[in-house]
Amino acid sequence: MARRELGPATLAVVQAVEAVATGPLLVACSGGADSLALAAATAFVGRRRSLPVRAVVVDHGLQAGSDAVAAAVADRLAGLEVPAAVVRVRVAATGEGLEAAARRARYLALADAAGPGELVLLGHTLDDQAETVLLGLARGSGTRSLAGMAPVRDGFARPLLGIRAATTRAACAELGLVAWDDPQNAEPRFARARARHGVLPVLEAELGPGVAEALARTARLARADADLLDELAVAERASHPGEALNAARLASLPEALRHRVLRDWLAGHGGRDLSASHLWAVAALVTDWHGQGPLDLPGARVARAGGLLHCRPAAPAPTAETGAAASSDTPVVTGDGPAG
């Protein structure tokens, strides 16, 4: 497949892959149009640049016959001269929800499958980015959430974030590739499916075309701001000796920086699934101090004492047999007075 033989859609995907292809490449392929077009383009770039290319097909085991689907995708990739391995994962749905649990299992499997220096390519498109920003807006979860998915991070790359899903479908058509349509992508019980098939089309119809591109542009702008603030937060956190945080110093910081310092500090001490309300409550120990007692958060307990914020992982839930002993042995950090 020479470059001059490429159709316009396929060429766009190939050029996107060429922008990140500097070494061995591992394509995550579900068999959908996005990842299938990505795999075909990566195979072309690999041959052109003499780069090793292979693929992983993750079978989440969430649908009947998923093993057969995964095997068929691997065969299709073999036809593209991309050797593929099928990896079966166990999705343990917890309080995070099925979508998040499947995503976590998939990323862990891909990270384990990647070899030294191998860049994992993901098939997320501009449409996926727009949906991510829209869902972040709905959650009201801040700038980092609005920043969407990073183009390159921690050994993963998303070269298609500037390309519409319609382009990947067109590329598959140009190449004669039959993509697999995951029926779960249309299930309304999933928030992303509702955003894709319900919300975004309405926005496009009511506000005019270009909404998806505008949301993706918002992600790029928000990411630049969030990256800078995160760097400043890391530097500020390093200025606090020990594990506790100085409340007076925190109070002197701009809110955006203070909240990032608190968020990262809490995450490092067991805090998980923290909402904006949780973060505001912790910030009130700094900015609205009047002798409040400890705060119990998901995974962590925070208290103010001696002008410092202390955080420790939340104690495990007591059992019927050991509950009294467990609670009596747990040290308690008391709050300081209103003048602390």
C-alpha atoms as a PDB file:
ATOM      1  CA  MET A   1       0.000   0.000   0.000  1.00  0.00           C
ATOM      2  CA  ALA A   2       1.981   2.981  -1.252  1.00  0.00           C
ATOM      3  CA  ARG A   3       1.266   6.468  -0.003  1.00  0.00           C
ATOM      4  CA  ARG A   4      -0.048   7.578  -3.399  1.00  0.00           C
ATOM      5  CA  GLU A   5      -2.648   4.779  -3.186  1.00  0.00           C
ATOM      6  CA  LEU A   6      -4.074   5.989   0.104  1.00  0.00           C
ATOM      7  CA  GLY A   7      -7.522   7.532   0.144  1.00  0.00           C
ATOM      8  CA  PRO A   8      -7.918  10.923   1.843  1.00  0.00           C
ATOM      9  CA  ALA A   9      -9.333   9.478   5.081  1.00  0.00           C
ATOM     10  CA  THR A  10      -6.658   6.793   5.321  1.00  0.00           C
ATOM     11  CA  LEU A  11      -3.968   9.363   4.598  1.00  0.00           C
ATOM     12  CA  ALA A  12      -5.227  11.539   7.456  1.00  0.00           C
ATOM     13  CA  VAL A  13      -4.980   8.603   9.876  1.00  0.00           C
ATOM     14  CA  VAL A  14      -1.533   7.637   8.582  1.00  0.00           C
ATOM     15  CA  GLN A  15      -0.236  11.183   9.031  1.00  0.00           C
ATOM     16  CA  ALA A  16      -1.558  11.236  12.592  1.00  0.00           C
ATOM     17  CA  VAL A  17       0.313   8.017  13.395  1.00  0.00           C
ATOM     18  CA  GLU A  18       3.488   9.276  11.711  1.00  0.00           C
ATOM     19  CA  ALA A  19       3.509  12.229  14.120  1.00  0.00           C
ATOM     20  CA  VAL A  20       4.064   9.921  17.125  1.00  0.00           C
ATOM     21  CA  ALA A  21       5.864   6.937  15.568  1.00  0.00           C
ATOM     22  CA  THR A  22       9.469   7.066  16.770  1.00  0.00           C
ATOM     23  CA  GLY A  23       9.943   3.487  17.985  1.00  0.00           C
ATOM     24  CA  PRO A  24       8.187   0.151  18.511  1.00  0.00           C
ATOM     25  CA  LEU A  25       4.382   0.440  18.439  1.00  0.00           C
ATOM     26  CA  LEU A  26       1.684  -1.565  20.183  1.00  0.00           C
ATOM     27  CA  VAL A  27      -1.869  -0.928  18.964  1.00  0.00           C
ATOM     28  CA  ALA A  28      -4.832  -1.507  21.251  1.00  0.00           C
ATOM     29  CA  CYS A  29      -7.537  -2.788  18.924  1.00  0.00           C
ATOM     30  CA  SER A  30     -11.139  -3.624  19.777  1.00  0.00           C
ATOM     31  CA  GLY A  31     -12.116  -4.183  16.151  1.00  0.00           C
ATOM     32  CA  GLY A  32     -14.169  -0.986  16.007  1.00  0.00           C
ATOM     33  CA  ALA A  33     -13.660   1.463  13.162  1.00  0.00           C
ATOM     34  CA  ASP A  34     -11.418   3.793  15.174  1.00  0.00           C
ATOM     35  CA  SER A  35      -8.938   1.202  16.381  1.00  0.00           C
ATOM     36  CA  LEU A  36      -9.090  -0.838  13.158  1.00  0.00           C
ATOM     37  CA  ALA A  37      -8.230   2.216  11.039  1.00  0.00           C
ATOM     38  CA  LEU A  38      -5.490   3.017  13.554  1.00  0.00           C
ATOM     39  CA  ALA A  39      -4.055  -0.508  13.254  1.00  0.00           C
ATOM     40  CA  ALA A  40      -4.057  -0.376   9.458  1.00  0.00           C
ATOM     41  CA  ALA A  41      -2.355   3.021   9.435  1.00  0.00           C
ATOM     42  CA  THR A  42       0.191   1.879  12.024  1.00  0.00           C
ATOM     43  CA  ALA A  43       1.008  -1.177   9.930  1.00  0.00           C
ATOM     44  CA  PHE A  44       1.662   1.108   6.955  1.00  0.00           C
ATOM     45  CA  VAL A  45       3.868   3.444   9.011  1.00  0.00           C
ATOM     46  CA  GLY A  46       5.718   0.495  10.533  1.00  0.00           C
ATOM     47  CA  ARG A  47       6.603  -0.914   7.116  1.00  0.00           C
ATOM     48  CA  ARG A  48       7.593   2.494   5.796  1.00  0.00           C
ATOM     49  CA  ARG A  49       9.847   3.298   8.746  1.00  0.00           C
ATOM     50  CA  SER A  50      10.956  -0.264   9.555  1.00  0.00           C
ATOM     51  CA  LEU A  51       9.377  -0.083  13.011  1.00  0.00           C
ATOM     52  CA  PRO A  52       8.106  -3.140  14.890  1.00  0.00           C
ATOM     53  CA  VAL A  53       4.302  -3.127  15.108  1.00  0.00           C
ATOM     54  CA  ARG A  54       2.013  -5.501  16.967  1.00  0.00           C
ATOM     55  CA  ALA A  55      -1.412  -5.372  18.558  1.00  0.00           C
ATOM     56  CA  VAL A  56      -3.319  -6.432  21.648  1.00  0.00           C
ATOM     57  CA  VAL A  57      -7.024  -7.263  21.656  1.00  0.00           C
ATOM     58  CA  VAL A  58      -8.491  -7.021  25.149  1.00  0.00           C
ATOM     59  CA  ASP A  59     -11.412  -9.341  25.842  1.00  0.00           C
ATOM     60  CA  HIS A  60     -13.354  -7.945  28.798  1.00  0.00           C
ATOM     61  CA  GLY A  61     -15.627 -10.974  28.951  1.00  0.00           C
ATOM     62  CA  LEU A  62     -18.691  -8.788  29.477  1.00  0.00           C
ATOM     63  CA  GLN A  63     -20.759 -10.155  26.597  1.00  0.00           C
ATOM     64  CA  ALA A  64     -21.639 -13.631  25.425  1.00  0.00           C
ATOM     65  CA  GLY A  65     -19.276 -14.689  22.660  1.00  0.00           C
ATOM     66  CA  SER A  66     -16.700 -12.009  23.445  1.00  0.00           C
ATOM     67  CA  ASP A  67     -13.921 -14.563  23.028  1.00  0.00           C
ATOM     68  CA  ALA A  68     -15.041 -15.295  19.467  1.00  0.00           C
ATOM     69  CA  VAL A  69     -15.206 -11.575  18.681  1.00  0.00           C
ATOM     70  CA  ALA A  70     -11.681 -11.061  20.034  1.00  0.00           C
ATOM     71  CA  ALA A  71     -10.354 -13.996  18.016  1.00  0.00           C
ATOM     72  CA  ALA A  72     -11.975 -12.626  14.849  1.00  0.00           C
ATOM     73  CA  VAL A  73     -10.372  -9.218  15.445  1.00  0.00           C
ATOM     74  CA  ALA A  74      -6.968 -10.871  15.888  1.00  0.00           C
ATOM     75  CA  ASP A  75      -7.463 -12.708  12.563  1.00  0.00           C
ATOM     76  CA  ARG A  76      -8.379  -9.427  10.868  1.00  0.00           C
ATOM     77  CA  LEU A  77      -5.211  -7.833  12.221  1.00  0.00           C
ATOM     78  CA  ALA A  78      -3.166 -10.759  10.927  1.00  0.00           C
ATOM     79  CA  GLY A  79      -4.544  -9.937   7.489  1.00  0.00           C
ATOM     80  CA  LEU A  80      -3.043  -6.468   7.937  1.00  0.00           C
ATOM     81  CA  GLU A  81       0.308  -8.114   8.778  1.00  0.00           C
ATOM     82  CA  VAL A  82      -0.022  -7.013  12.394  1.00  0.00           C
ATOM     83  CA  PRO A  83       0.617  -9.871  14.831  1.00  0.00           C
ATOM     84  CA  ALA A  84      -1.967  -9.723  17.605  1.00  0.00           C
ATOM     85  CA  ALA A  85      -2.410 -11.266  21.018  1.00  0.00           C
ATOM     86  CA  VAL A  86      -5.749 -11.642  22.773  1.00  0.00           C
ATOM     87  CA  VAL A  87      -5.682 -10.818  26.485  1.00  0.00           C
ATOM     88  CA  ARG A  88      -8.642 -11.782  28.672  1.00  0.00           C
ATOM     89  CA  VAL A  89      -9.247  -9.545  31.682  1.00  0.00           C
ATOM     90  CA  ARG A  90     -11.522  -9.814  34.685  1.00  0.00           C
ATOM     91  CA  VAL A  91     -13.689  -6.751  35.219  1.00  0.00           C
ATOM     92  CA  ALA A  92     -14.590  -6.340  38.871  1.00  0.00           C
ATOM     93  CA  ALA A  93     -17.392  -3.769  39.003  1.00  0.00           C
ATOM     94  CA  THR A  94     -17.180  -1.831  42.255  1.00  0.00           C
ATOM     95  CA  GLY A  95     -18.530   1.534  43.309  1.00  0.00           C
ATOM     96  CA  GLU A  96     -16.748   3.130  40.332  1.00  0.00           C
ATOM     97  CA  GLY A  97     -19.207   1.569  37.859  1.00  0.00           C
ATOM     98  CA  LEU A  98     -18.845  -0.917  35.033  1.00  0.00           C
ATOM     99  CA  GLU A  99     -17.426   1.542  32.473  1.00  0.00           C
ATOM    100  CA  ALA A 100     -14.659   2.718  34.805  1.00  0.00           C
ATOM    101  CA  ALA A 101     -13.869  -0.813  35.985  1.00  0.00           C
ATOM    102  CA  ALA A 102     -13.551  -2.072  32.408  1.00  0.00           C
ATOM    103  CA  ARG A 103     -11.344   0.875  31.491  1.00  0.00           C
ATOM    104  CA  ARG A 104      -9.070   0.280  34.479  1.00  0.00           C
ATOM    105  CA  ALA A 105      -8.734  -3.430  33.679  1.00  0.00           C
ATOM    106  CA  ARG A 106      -7.999  -2.647  30.030  1.00  0.00           C
ATOM    107  CA  TYR A 107      -5.279  -0.102  30.776  1.00  0.00           C
ATOM    108  CA  LEU A 108      -3.597  -2.414  33.263  1.00  0.00           C
ATOM    109  CA  ALA A 109      -3.579  -5.200  30.676  1.00  0.00           C
ATOM    110  CA  LEU A 110      -2.129  -2.928  27.999  1.00  0.00           C
ATOM    111  CA  ALA A 111       0.555  -1.608  30.344  1.00  0.00           C
ATOM    112  CA  ASP A 112       1.522  -5.183  31.247  1.00  0.00           C
ATOM    113  CA  ALA A 113       1.625  -6.190  27.581  1.00  0.00           C
ATOM    114  CA  ALA A 114       3.861  -3.298  26.473  1.00  0.00           C
ATOM    115  CA  GLY A 115       7.532  -4.104  26.098  1.00  0.00           C
ATOM    116  CA  PRO A 116      10.468  -1.802  26.858  1.00  0.00           C
ATOM    117  CA  GLY A 117      10.280   1.358  24.744  1.00  0.00           C
ATOM    118  CA  GLU A 118       7.006   0.263  23.139  1.00  0.00           C
ATOM    119  CA  LEU A 119       4.450   3.045  22.728  1.00  0.00           C
ATOM    120  CA  VAL A 120       0.826   1.938  23.184  1.00  0.00           C
ATOM    121  CA  LEU A 121      -1.494   3.543  20.625  1.00  0.00           C
ATOM    122  CA  LEU A 122      -5.143   4.104  21.526  1.00  0.00           C
ATOM    123  CA  GLY A 123      -7.872   4.840  18.980  1.00  0.00           C
ATOM    124  CA  HIS A 124      -9.669   7.694  20.742  1.00  0.00           C
ATOM    125  CA  THR A 125     -10.906  10.314  18.277  1.00  0.00           C
ATOM    126  CA  LEU A 126     -11.974  13.945  18.472  1.00  0.00           C
ATOM    127  CA  ASP A 127     -15.533  12.687  19.084  1.00  0.00           C
ATOM    128  CA  ASP A 128     -14.360  10.739  22.134  1.00  0.00           C
ATOM    129  CA  GLN A 129     -12.553  13.821  23.406  1.00  0.00           C
ATOM    130  CA  ALA A 130     -15.670  15.957  22.994  1.00  0.00           C
ATOM    131  CA  GLU A 131     -17.726  13.394  24.919  1.00  0.00           C
ATOM    132  CA  THR A 132     -15.144  13.331  27.701  1.00  0.00           C
ATOM    133  CA  VAL A 133     -15.251  17.122  28.073  1.00  0.00           C
ATOM    134  CA  LEU A 134     -19.047  17.115  28.012  1.00  0.00           C
ATOM    135  CA  LEU A 135     -19.199  14.478  30.754  1.00  0.00           C
ATOM    136  CA  GLY A 136     -16.663  16.472  32.777  1.00  0.00           C
ATOM    137  CA  LEU A 137     -18.861  19.547  32.457  1.00  0.00           C
ATOM    138  CA  ALA A 138     -21.866  17.561  33.651  1.00  0.00           C
ATOM    139  CA  ARG A 139     -19.962  16.356  36.718  1.00  0.00           C
ATOM    140  CA  GLY A 140     -18.657  19.840  37.517  1.00  0.00           C
ATOM    141  CA  SER A 141     -15.286  18.266  38.299  1.00  0.00           C
ATOM    142  CA  GLY A 142     -12.873  21.059  37.419  1.00  0.00           C
ATOM    143  CA  THR A 143     -10.199  22.008  34.936  1.00  0.00           C
ATOM    144  CA  ARG A 144      -8.361  18.692  34.896  1.00  0.00           C
ATOM    145  CA  SER A 145     -11.559  16.908  33.935  1.00  0.00           C
ATOM    146  CA  LEU A 146     -12.234  19.471  31.195  1.00  0.00           C
ATOM    147  CA  ALA A 147      -8.705  18.839  29.914  1.00  0.00           C
ATOM    148  CA  GLY A 148      -9.965  15.539  28.577  1.00  0.00           C
ATOM    149  CA  MET A 149      -7.589  12.815  27.458  1.00  0.00           C
ATOM    150  CA  ALA A 150      -3.901  13.581  27.058  1.00  0.00           C
ATOM    151  CA  PRO A 151      -2.414  13.030  23.573  1.00  0.00           C
ATOM    152  CA  VAL A 152       0.648  11.320  25.102  1.00  0.00           C
ATOM    153  CA  ARG A 153       1.037  10.199  28.691  1.00  0.00           C
ATOM    154  CA  ASP A 154       2.691   7.388  30.657  1.00  0.00           C
ATOM    155  CA  GLY A 155       3.567   5.294  27.620  1.00  0.00           C
ATOM    156  CA  PHE A 156       0.161   5.723  25.951  1.00  0.00           C
ATOM    157  CA  ALA A 157      -0.520   7.859  22.880  1.00  0.00           C
ATOM    158  CA  ARG A 158      -3.775   8.932  21.240  1.00  0.00           C
ATOM    159  CA  PRO A 159      -2.783  10.077  17.749  1.00  0.00           C
ATOM    160  CA  LEU A 160      -6.372  10.402  16.503  1.00  0.00           C
ATOM    161  CA  LEU A 161      -7.605  13.067  18.942  1.00  0.00           C
ATOM    162  CA  GLY A 162      -7.670  15.594  16.088  1.00  0.00           C
ATOM    163  CA  ILE A 163      -9.614  13.289  13.745  1.00  0.00           C
ATOM    164  CA  ARG A 164     -13.386  12.780  13.621  1.00  0.00           C
ATOM    165  CA  ALA A 165     -14.869   9.311  13.956  1.00  0.00           C
ATOM    166  CA  ALA A 166     -16.412   9.783  10.514  1.00  0.00           C
ATOM    167  CA  THR A 167     -12.883   9.859   9.122  1.00  0.00           C
ATOM    168  CA  THR A 168     -11.918   6.533  10.685  1.00  0.00           C
ATOM    169  CA  ARG A 169     -15.092   4.959   9.303  1.00  0.00           C
ATOM    170  CA  ALA A 170     -14.258   6.386   5.886  1.00  0.00           C
ATOM    171  CA  ALA A 171     -10.717   5.018   6.169  1.00  0.00           C
ATOM    172  CA  CYS A 172     -12.065   1.530   6.871  1.00  0.00           C
ATOM    173  CA  ALA A 173     -14.321   1.840   3.833  1.00  0.00           C
ATOM    174  CA  GLU A 174     -11.380   2.934   1.662  1.00  0.00           C
ATOM    175  CA  LEU A 175      -9.363  -0.061   2.844  1.00  0.00           C
ATOM    176  CA  GLY A 176     -12.199  -2.556   2.556  1.00  0.00           C
ATOM    177  CA  LEU A 177     -12.132  -3.290   6.297  1.00  0.00           C
ATOM    178  CA  VAL A 178     -15.296  -4.411   8.065  1.00  0.00           C
ATOM    179  CA  ALA A 179     -15.363  -2.992  11.575  1.00  0.00           C
ATOM    180  CA  TRP A 180     -17.138  -4.521  14.564  1.00  0.00           C
ATOM    181  CA  ASP A 181     -19.810  -2.392  16.223  1.00  0.00           C
ATOM    182  CA  ASP A 182     -19.815  -3.053  19.958  1.00  0.00           C
ATOM    183  CA  PRO A 183     -23.505  -3.123  20.964  1.00  0.00           C
ATOM    184  CA  GLN A 184     -22.600  -1.734  24.407  1.00  0.00           C
ATOM    185  CA  ASN A 185     -21.573   1.530  22.742  1.00  0.00           C
ATOM    186  CA  ALA A 186     -25.247   2.220  22.114  1.00  0.00           C
ATOM    187  CA  GLU A 187     -26.628   1.138  25.481  1.00  0.00           C
ATOM    188  CA  PRO A 188     -28.334   4.111  27.165  1.00  0.00           C
ATOM    189  CA  ARG A 189     -27.388   2.855  30.647  1.00  0.00           C
ATOM    190  CA  PHE A 190     -23.881   4.143  29.948  1.00  0.00           C
ATOM    191  CA  ALA A 191     -23.364   7.901  30.278  1.00  0.00           C
ATOM    192  CA  ARG A 192     -20.949   8.050  27.351  1.00  0.00           C
ATOM    193  CA  ALA A 193     -23.449   6.347  25.062  1.00  0.00           C
ATOM    194  CA  ARG A 194     -26.115   8.868  26.059  1.00  0.00           C
ATOM    195  CA  ALA A 195     -23.714  11.740  25.392  1.00  0.00           C
ATOM    196  CA  ARG A 196     -22.745  10.293  22.002  1.00  0.00           C
ATOM    197  CA  HIS A 197     -26.166   9.399  20.659  1.00  0.00           C
ATOM    198  CA  GLY A 198     -28.402  11.822  22.517  1.00  0.00           C
ATOM    199  CA  VAL A 199     -26.725  14.941  23.823  1.00  0.00           C
ATOM    200  CA  LEU A 200     -24.099  15.821  21.213  1.00  0.00           C
ATOM    201  CA  PRO A 201     -26.442  15.457  18.215  1.00  0.00           C
ATOM    202  CA  VAL A 202     -28.924  17.792  19.934  1.00  0.00           C
ATOM    203  CA  LEU A 203     -26.177  20.334  20.631  1.00  0.00           C
ATOM    204  CA  GLU A 204     -25.055  20.179  17.015  1.00  0.00           C
ATOM    205  CA  ALA A 205     -28.636  20.606  15.811  1.00  0.00           C
ATOM    206  CA  GLU A 206     -29.476  23.483  18.142  1.00  0.00           C
ATOM    207  CA  LEU A 207     -26.159  25.362  18.262  1.00  0.00           C
ATOM    208  CA  GLY A 208     -24.880  24.594  14.797  1.00  0.00           C
ATOM    209  CA  PRO A 209     -22.028  22.404  13.540  1.00  0.00           C
ATOM    210  CA  GLY A 210     -18.637  22.522  15.188  1.00  0.00           C
ATOM    211  CA  VAL A 211     -19.683  21.775  18.771  1.00  0.00           C
ATOM    212  CA  ALA A 212     -17.482  18.667  18.963  1.00  0.00           C
ATOM    213  CA  GLU A 213     -14.492  20.599  17.639  1.00  0.00           C
ATOM    214  CA  ALA A 214     -15.157  23.398  20.138  1.00  0.00           C
ATOM    215  CA  LEU A 215     -15.283  20.936  23.034  1.00  0.00           C
ATOM    216  CA  ALA A 216     -12.038  19.338  21.899  1.00  0.00           C
ATOM    217  CA  ARG A 217     -10.470  22.807  21.630  1.00  0.00           C
ATOM    218  CA  THR A 218     -11.630  23.500  25.184  1.00  0.00           C
ATOM    219  CA  ALA A 219      -9.802  20.352  26.285  1.00  0.00           C
ATOM    220  CA  ARG A 220      -6.570  21.534  24.713  1.00  0.00           C
ATOM    221  CA  LEU A 221      -6.805  24.963  26.355  1.00  0.00           C
ATOM    222  CA  ALA A 222      -7.834  23.547  29.727  1.00  0.00           C
ATOM    223  CA  ARG A 223      -5.003  21.002  29.641  1.00  0.00           C
ATOM    224  CA  ALA A 224      -2.383  23.721  29.243  1.00  0.00           C
ATOM    225  CA  ASP A 225      -3.814  25.562  32.269  1.00  0.00           C
ATOM    226  CA  ALA A 226      -4.176  22.391  34.328  1.00  0.00           C
ATOM    227  CA  ASP A 227      -0.628  21.245  33.541  1.00  0.00           C
ATOM    228  CA  LEU A 228       0.811  24.566  34.709  1.00  0.00           C
ATOM    229  CA  LEU A 229      -1.257  24.593  37.902  1.00  0.00           C
ATOM    230  CA  ASP A 230      -0.289  20.995  38.640  1.00  0.00           C
ATOM    231  CA  GLU A 231       3.400  21.875  38.285  1.00  0.00           C
ATOM    232  CA  LEU A 232       2.961  24.789  40.683  1.00  0.00           C
ATOM    233  CA  ALA A 233       1.089  22.518  43.101  1.00  0.00           C
ATOM    234  CA  VAL A 234       3.937  20.002  43.113  1.00  0.00           C
ATOM    235  CA  ALA A 235       6.421  22.755  43.913  1.00  0.00           C
ATOM    236  CA  GLU A 236       4.164  24.145  46.649  1.00  0.00           C
ATOM    237  CA  ARG A 237       3.652  20.708  48.202  1.00  0.00           C
ATOM    238  CA  ALA A 238       7.422  20.272  48.390  1.00  0.00           C
ATOM    239  CA  SER A 239       7.672  23.464  50.467  1.00  0.00           C
ATOM    240  CA  HIS A 240       5.708  21.849  53.317  1.00  0.00           C
ATOM    241  CA  PRO A 241       8.112  19.790  55.461  1.00  0.00           C
ATOM    242  CA  GLY A 242       6.770  16.473  56.638  1.00  0.00           C
ATOM    243  CA  GLU A 243       3.403  14.893  55.957  1.00  0.00           C
ATOM    244  CA  ALA A 244       1.255  17.687  57.423  1.00  0.00           C
ATOM    245  CA  LEU A 245       0.317  20.892  55.607  1.00  0.00           C
ATOM    246  CA  ASN A 246       0.762  24.367  57.075  1.00  0.00           C
ATOM    247  CA  ALA A 247      -2.691  25.945  57.244  1.00  0.00           C
ATOM    248  CA  ALA A 248      -1.458  29.549  57.252  1.00  0.00           C
ATOM    249  CA  ARG A 249       0.647  28.961  54.148  1.00  0.00           C
ATOM    250  CA  LEU A 250      -2.267  27.275  52.402  1.00  0.00           C
ATOM    251  CA  ALA A 251      -4.526  30.196  53.270  1.00  0.00           C
ATOM    252  CA  SER A 252      -2.151  32.568  51.467  1.00  0.00           C
ATOM    253  CA  LEU A 253      -2.415  30.659  48.182  1.00  0.00           C
ATOM    254  CA  PRO A 254      -4.852  31.372  45.350  1.00  0.00           C
ATOM    255  CA  GLU A 255      -7.830  29.028  45.532  1.00  0.00           C
ATOM    256  CA  ALA A 256      -6.949  27.161  42.333  1.00  0.00           C
ATOM    257  CA  LEU A 257      -3.492  26.327  43.636  1.00  0.00           C
ATOM    258  CA  ARG A 258      -4.655  25.592  47.190  1.00  0.00           C
ATOM    259  CA  HIS A 259      -7.250  23.097  45.978  1.00  0.00           C
ATOM    260  CA  ARG A 260      -4.710  21.271  43.841  1.00  0.00           C
ATOM    261  CA  VAL A 261      -2.287  20.956  46.729  1.00  0.00           C
ATOM    262  CA  LEU A 262      -5.071  19.588  48.920  1.00  0.00           C
ATOM    263  CA  ARG A 263      -6.352  17.215  46.232  1.00  0.00           C
ATOM    264  CA  ASP A 264      -2.952  15.646  45.595  1.00  0.00           C
ATOM    265  CA  TRP A 265      -2.146  15.508  49.311  1.00  0.00           C
ATOM    266  CA  LEU A 266      -5.420  13.730  50.066  1.00  0.00           C
ATOM    267  CA  ALA A 267      -4.905  11.262  47.216  1.00  0.00           C
ATOM    268  CA  GLY A 268      -1.466  10.434  48.611  1.00  0.00           C
ATOM    269  CA  HIS A 269      -2.997   9.625  51.995  1.00  0.00           C
ATOM    270  CA  GLY A 270      -5.787   7.298  50.934  1.00  0.00           C
ATOM    271  CA  GLY A 271      -8.438   9.758  49.717  1.00  0.00           C
ATOM    272  CA  ARG A 272     -10.402   8.374  46.770  1.00  0.00           C
ATOM    273  CA  ASP A 273     -13.395   9.372  44.659  1.00  0.00           C
ATOM    274  CA  LEU A 274     -13.306  12.830  46.222  1.00  0.00           C
ATOM    275  CA  SER A 275     -15.944  15.257  45.006  1.00  0.00           C
ATOM    276  CA  ALA A 276     -15.745  19.032  44.843  1.00  0.00           C
ATOM    277  CA  SER A 277     -17.841  19.136  48.025  1.00  0.00           C
ATOM    278  CA  HIS A 278     -15.265  17.026  49.839  1.00  0.00           C
ATOM    279  CA  LEU A 279     -12.474  19.330  48.711  1.00  0.00           C
ATOM    280  CA  TRP A 280     -14.356  22.462  49.753  1.00  0.00           C
ATOM    281  CA  ALA A 281     -14.965  20.976  53.190  1.00  0.00           C
ATOM    282  CA  VAL A 282     -11.247  20.336  53.636  1.00  0.00           C
ATOM    283  CA  ALA A 283     -10.429  23.826  52.345  1.00  0.00           C
ATOM    284  CA  ALA A 284     -12.770  25.247  54.996  1.00  0.00           C
ATOM    285  CA  LEU A 285     -10.386  23.911  57.635  1.00  0.00           C
ATOM    286  CA  VAL A 286      -7.963  26.470  56.181  1.00  0.00           C
ATOM    287  CA  THR A 287     -10.095  29.410  55.075  1.00  0.00           C
ATOM    288  CA  ASP A 288     -13.049  29.218  57.476  1.00  0.00           C
ATOM    289  CA  TRP A 289     -11.475  27.834  60.616  1.00  0.00           C
ATOM    290  CA  HIS A 290     -13.643  27.922  63.747  1.00  0.00           C
ATOM    291  CA  GLY A 291     -12.607  24.798  65.596  1.00  0.00           C
ATOM    292  CA  GLN A 292     -14.243  22.142  63.387  1.00  0.00           C
ATOM    293  CA  GLY A 293     -13.691  18.516  64.228  1.00  0.00           C
ATOM    294  CA  PRO A 294     -12.114  15.903  61.961  1.00  0.00           C
ATOM    295  CA  LEU A 295     -13.579  15.263  58.513  1.00  0.00           C
ATOM    296  CA  ASP A 296     -14.263  11.715  57.392  1.00  0.00           C
ATOM    297  CA  LEU A 297     -13.800  11.406  53.632  1.00  0.00           C
ATOM    298  CA  PRO A 298     -13.863   8.385  51.326  1.00  0.00           C
ATOM    299  CA  GLY A 299     -10.640   6.603  52.269  1.00  0.00           C
ATOM    300  CA  ALA A 300      -9.217   9.286  54.566  1.00  0.00           C
ATOM    301  CA  ARG A 301      -9.721  11.344  57.721  1.00  0.00           C
ATOM    302  CA  VAL A 302      -8.521  14.960  57.920  1.00  0.00           C
ATOM    303  CA  ALA A 303      -8.111  17.116  61.020  1.00  0.00           C
ATOM    304  CA  ARG A 304      -6.480  20.397  61.947  1.00  0.00           C
ATOM    305  CA  ALA A 305      -4.193  20.571  64.980  1.00  0.00           C
ATOM    306  CA  GLY A 306      -1.486  23.054  65.955  1.00  0.00           C
ATOM    307  CA  GLY A 307      -2.003  25.083  62.789  1.00  0.00           C
ATOM    308  CA  LEU A 308      -1.373  22.017  60.623  1.00  0.00           C
ATOM    309  CA  LEU A 309      -3.612  19.767  58.543  1.00  0.00           C
ATOM    310  CA  HIS A 310      -3.128  16.076  59.262  1.00  0.00           C
ATOM    311  CA  CYS A 311      -4.448  13.263  57.116  1.00  0.00           C
ATOM    312  CA  ARG A 312      -4.444   9.525  57.584  1.00  0.00           C
ATOM    313  CA  PRO A 313      -6.144   6.675  55.726  1.00  0.00           C
ATOM    314  CA  ALA A 314      -9.609   5.884  56.998  1.00  0.00           C
ATOM    315  CA  ALA A 315      -9.781   3.011  59.447  1.00  0.00           C
ATOM    316  CA  PRO A 316     -11.326  -0.174  58.024  1.00  0.00           C
ATOM    317  CA  ALA A 317     -14.951  -0.731  58.915  1.00  0.00           C
ATOM    318  CA  PRO A 318     -15.129  -2.555  62.255  1.00  0.00           C
ATOM    319  CA  THR A 319     -16.496  -6.075  62.361  1.00  0.00           C
ATOM    320  CA  ALA A 320     -19.005  -7.303  64.890  1.00  0.00           C
ATOM    321  CA  GLU A 321     -16.281  -9.189  66.766  1.00  0.00           C
ATOM    322  CA  THR A 322     -13.509  -6.580  66.770  1.00  0.00           C
ATOM    323  CA  GLY A 323     -15.317  -3.272  66.277  1.00  0.00           C
ATOM    324  CA  ALA A 324     -14.885  -1.960  69.816  1.00  0.00           C
ATOM    325  CA  ALA A 325     -11.214  -2.905  70.081  1.00  0.00           C
ATOM    326  CA  ALA A 326     -10.404  -1.528  66.651  1.00  0.00           C
ATOM    327  CA  SER A 327     -11.941   1.851  67.385  1.00  0.00           C
ATOM    328  CA  SER A 328     -10.299   2.193  70.805  1.00  0.00           C
ATOM    329  CA  ASP A 329      -6.832   1.482  69.396  1.00  0.00           C
ATOM    330  CA  THR A 330      -7.146   4.132  66.667  1.00  0.00           C
ATOM    331  CA  PRO A 331      -5.222   7.333  67.483  1.00  0.00           C
ATOM    332  CA  VAL A 332      -7.234  10.512  67.132  1.00  0.00           C
ATOM    333  CA  VAL A 333      -5.859  13.898  66.053  1.00  0.00           C
ATOM    334  CA  THR A 334      -7.846  16.545  67.853  1.00  0.00           C
ATOM    335  CA  GLY A 335      -8.672  19.890  66.316  1.00  0.00           C
ATOM    336  CA  ASP A 336      -6.971  23.015  67.521  1.00  0.00           C
ATOM    337  CA  GLY A 337      -8.939  25.927  68.927  1.00  0.00           C
ATOM    338  CA  PRO A 338     -10.383  28.763  66.872  1.00  0.00           C
ATOM    339  CA  ALA A 339      -7.121  30.694  67.163  1.00  0.00           C
ATOM    340  CA  GLY A 340      -4.987  27.784  65.798  1.00  0.00           C
END
